[in-house]
Amino acid sequence: MEPLVVLFVLPVVIGIVAEALFRDTTRASCVATFASPLVVYLCLMYRDPDGTWNWLATLLISPLAIALALAAVMVCFGRTHVRRHPHRNGA
């Protein structure tokens, strides 16, 4: 259960929080890109104090975490900035 939370849920939450804080896609995506591997690394270091996992494990799984965080930013940006078409009266 913990690997699913660290690899899937946590990057999505990082993306949602980044979009909620900055409300700008560029800044939110930059923050999500740098924060998600860092948080995954910190979680790996916290959950494995013996050191059997190292920075290489984070490097190998960081593209997945980055992709999920960026996808969450893009989905949140699309949901909050929905363009509405003007209603046509009688035409």
C-alpha atoms as a PDB file:
ATOM      1  CA  MET A   1       0.000   0.000   0.000  1.00  0.00           C
ATOM      2  CA  GLU A   2       2.811   2.438   0.813  1.00  0.00           C
ATOM      3  CA  PRO A   3       4.491   2.188  -2.616  1.00  0.00           C
ATOM      4  CA  LEU A   4       1.193   3.072  -4.280  1.00  0.00           C
ATOM      5  CA  VAL A   5       0.812   6.102  -2.061  1.00  0.00           C
ATOM      6  CA  VAL A   6       4.388   7.277  -2.646  1.00  0.00           C
ATOM      7  CA  LEU A   7       4.464   6.632  -6.399  1.00  0.00           C
ATOM      8  CA  PHE A   8       0.926   7.543  -7.459  1.00  0.00           C
ATOM      9  CA  VAL A   9      -1.035   9.472  -4.849  1.00  0.00           C
ATOM     10  CA  LEU A  10       1.703  11.763  -3.547  1.00  0.00           C
ATOM     11  CA  PRO A  11       2.762  13.169  -6.977  1.00  0.00           C
ATOM     12  CA  VAL A  12      -0.886  13.794  -7.865  1.00  0.00           C
ATOM     13  CA  VAL A  13      -1.393  15.645  -4.583  1.00  0.00           C
ATOM     14  CA  ILE A  14       1.770  17.671  -5.260  1.00  0.00           C
ATOM     15  CA  GLY A  15       0.421  18.665  -8.671  1.00  0.00           C
ATOM     16  CA  ILE A  16      -2.969  19.656  -7.273  1.00  0.00           C
ATOM     17  CA  VAL A  17      -1.410  21.701  -4.474  1.00  0.00           C
ATOM     18  CA  ALA A  18       1.008  23.406  -6.869  1.00  0.00           C
ATOM     19  CA  GLU A  19      -1.850  24.421  -9.171  1.00  0.00           C
ATOM     20  CA  ALA A  20      -3.947  25.614  -6.227  1.00  0.00           C
ATOM     21  CA  LEU A  21      -1.100  27.723  -4.816  1.00  0.00           C
ATOM     22  CA  PHE A  22       0.185  29.362  -7.981  1.00  0.00           C
ATOM     23  CA  ARG A  23      -2.814  29.416 -10.380  1.00  0.00           C
ATOM     24  CA  ASP A  24      -0.256  29.674 -13.171  1.00  0.00           C
ATOM     25  CA  THR A  25       0.521  26.636 -15.285  1.00  0.00           C
ATOM     26  CA  THR A  26       4.174  27.486 -15.829  1.00  0.00           C
ATOM     27  CA  ARG A  27       5.026  28.047 -12.177  1.00  0.00           C
ATOM     28  CA  ALA A  28       2.897  25.150 -10.970  1.00  0.00           C
ATOM     29  CA  SER A  29       4.467  22.740 -13.446  1.00  0.00           C
ATOM     30  CA  CYS A  30       7.985  23.850 -12.463  1.00  0.00           C
ATOM     31  CA  VAL A  31       7.228  23.391  -8.781  1.00  0.00           C
ATOM     32  CA  ALA A  32       5.618  20.005  -9.419  1.00  0.00           C
ATOM     33  CA  THR A  33       8.565  18.887 -11.570  1.00  0.00           C
ATOM     34  CA  PHE A  34      11.112  19.639  -8.885  1.00  0.00           C
ATOM     35  CA  ALA A  35       9.054  18.783  -5.813  1.00  0.00           C
ATOM     36  CA  SER A  36       7.777  15.343  -6.808  1.00  0.00           C
ATOM     37  CA  PRO A  37      11.183  13.578  -7.116  1.00  0.00           C
ATOM     38  CA  LEU A  38      12.382  15.350  -3.985  1.00  0.00           C
ATOM     39  CA  VAL A  39       9.387  14.185  -1.974  1.00  0.00           C
ATOM     40  CA  VAL A  40       9.695  10.643  -3.357  1.00  0.00           C
ATOM     41  CA  TYR A  41      13.370  10.629  -2.344  1.00  0.00           C
ATOM     42  CA  LEU A  42      12.560  11.872   1.141  1.00  0.00           C
ATOM     43  CA  CYS A  43       9.856   9.222   1.523  1.00  0.00           C
ATOM     44  CA  LEU A  44      12.284   6.509   0.425  1.00  0.00           C
ATOM     45  CA  MET A  45      14.901   7.722   2.893  1.00  0.00           C
ATOM     46  CA  TYR A  46      12.330   7.913   5.683  1.00  0.00           C
ATOM     47  CA  ARG A  47      10.850   4.465   5.024  1.00  0.00           C
ATOM     48  CA  ASP A  48      14.261   2.807   4.560  1.00  0.00           C
ATOM     49  CA  PRO A  49      16.651   4.043   7.228  1.00  0.00           C
ATOM     50  CA  ASP A  50      19.028   1.094   6.596  1.00  0.00           C
ATOM     51  CA  GLY A  51      19.948   2.524   3.207  1.00  0.00           C
ATOM     52  CA  THR A  52      19.086  -0.388   0.933  1.00  0.00           C
ATOM     53  CA  TRP A  53      17.400   2.083  -1.436  1.00  0.00           C
ATOM     54  CA  ASN A  54      19.529   4.940  -2.654  1.00  0.00           C
ATOM     55  CA  TRP A  55      19.314   7.952  -4.932  1.00  0.00           C
ATOM     56  CA  LEU A  56      19.470   5.673  -7.980  1.00  0.00           C
ATOM     57  CA  ALA A  57      16.064   4.221  -7.112  1.00  0.00           C
ATOM     58  CA  THR A  58      14.659   7.738  -7.016  1.00  0.00           C
ATOM     59  CA  LEU A  59      16.297   8.539 -10.333  1.00  0.00           C
ATOM     60  CA  LEU A  60      14.705   5.476 -11.932  1.00  0.00           C
ATOM     61  CA  ILE A  61      11.176   6.158 -10.705  1.00  0.00           C
ATOM     62  CA  SER A  62      11.242   9.955 -10.904  1.00  0.00           C
ATOM     63  CA  PRO A  63       9.901  10.147 -14.502  1.00  0.00           C
ATOM     64  CA  LEU A  64       6.716   8.435 -13.331  1.00  0.00           C
ATOM     65  CA  ALA A  65       6.330  10.802 -10.390  1.00  0.00           C
ATOM     66  CA  ILE A  66       7.022  13.834 -12.570  1.00  0.00           C
ATOM     67  CA  ALA A  67       4.532  12.708 -15.209  1.00  0.00           C
ATOM     68  CA  LEU A  68       1.786  12.164 -12.655  1.00  0.00           C
ATOM     69  CA  ALA A  69       2.421  15.532 -11.001  1.00  0.00           C
ATOM     70  CA  LEU A  70       2.371  17.348 -14.350  1.00  0.00           C
ATOM     71  CA  ALA A  71      -0.763  15.519 -15.429  1.00  0.00           C
ATOM     72  CA  ALA A  72      -2.467  16.614 -12.219  1.00  0.00           C
ATOM     73  CA  VAL A  73      -1.432  20.222 -12.877  1.00  0.00           C
ATOM     74  CA  MET A  74      -2.811  20.097 -16.413  1.00  0.00           C
ATOM     75  CA  VAL A  75      -6.087  18.480 -15.346  1.00  0.00           C
ATOM     76  CA  CYS A  76      -6.589  21.032 -12.577  1.00  0.00           C
ATOM     77  CA  PHE A  77      -5.749  23.883 -14.944  1.00  0.00           C
ATOM     78  CA  GLY A  78      -8.257  22.606 -17.488  1.00  0.00           C
ATOM     79  CA  ARG A  79     -10.973  22.246 -14.867  1.00  0.00           C
ATOM     80  CA  THR A  80     -10.593  25.739 -13.437  1.00  0.00           C
ATOM     81  CA  HIS A  81     -10.294  27.564 -16.744  1.00  0.00           C
ATOM     82  CA  VAL A  82     -13.107  26.069 -18.768  1.00  0.00           C
ATOM     83  CA  ARG A  83     -14.102  28.254 -21.680  1.00  0.00           C
ATOM     84  CA  ARG A  84     -17.801  28.701 -22.112  1.00  0.00           C
ATOM     85  CA  HIS A  85     -19.356  29.382 -25.453  1.00  0.00           C
ATOM     86  CA  PRO A  86     -21.794  32.299 -25.617  1.00  0.00           C
ATOM     87  CA  HIS A  87     -25.413  31.334 -25.948  1.00  0.00           C
ATOM     88  CA  ARG A  88     -27.040  32.154 -29.233  1.00  0.00           C
ATOM     89  CA  ASN A  89     -30.458  33.684 -28.918  1.00  0.00           C
ATOM     90  CA  GLY A  90     -32.836  32.627 -31.656  1.00  0.00           C
ATOM     91  CA  ALA A  91     -30.260  31.821 -34.309  1.00  0.00           C
END
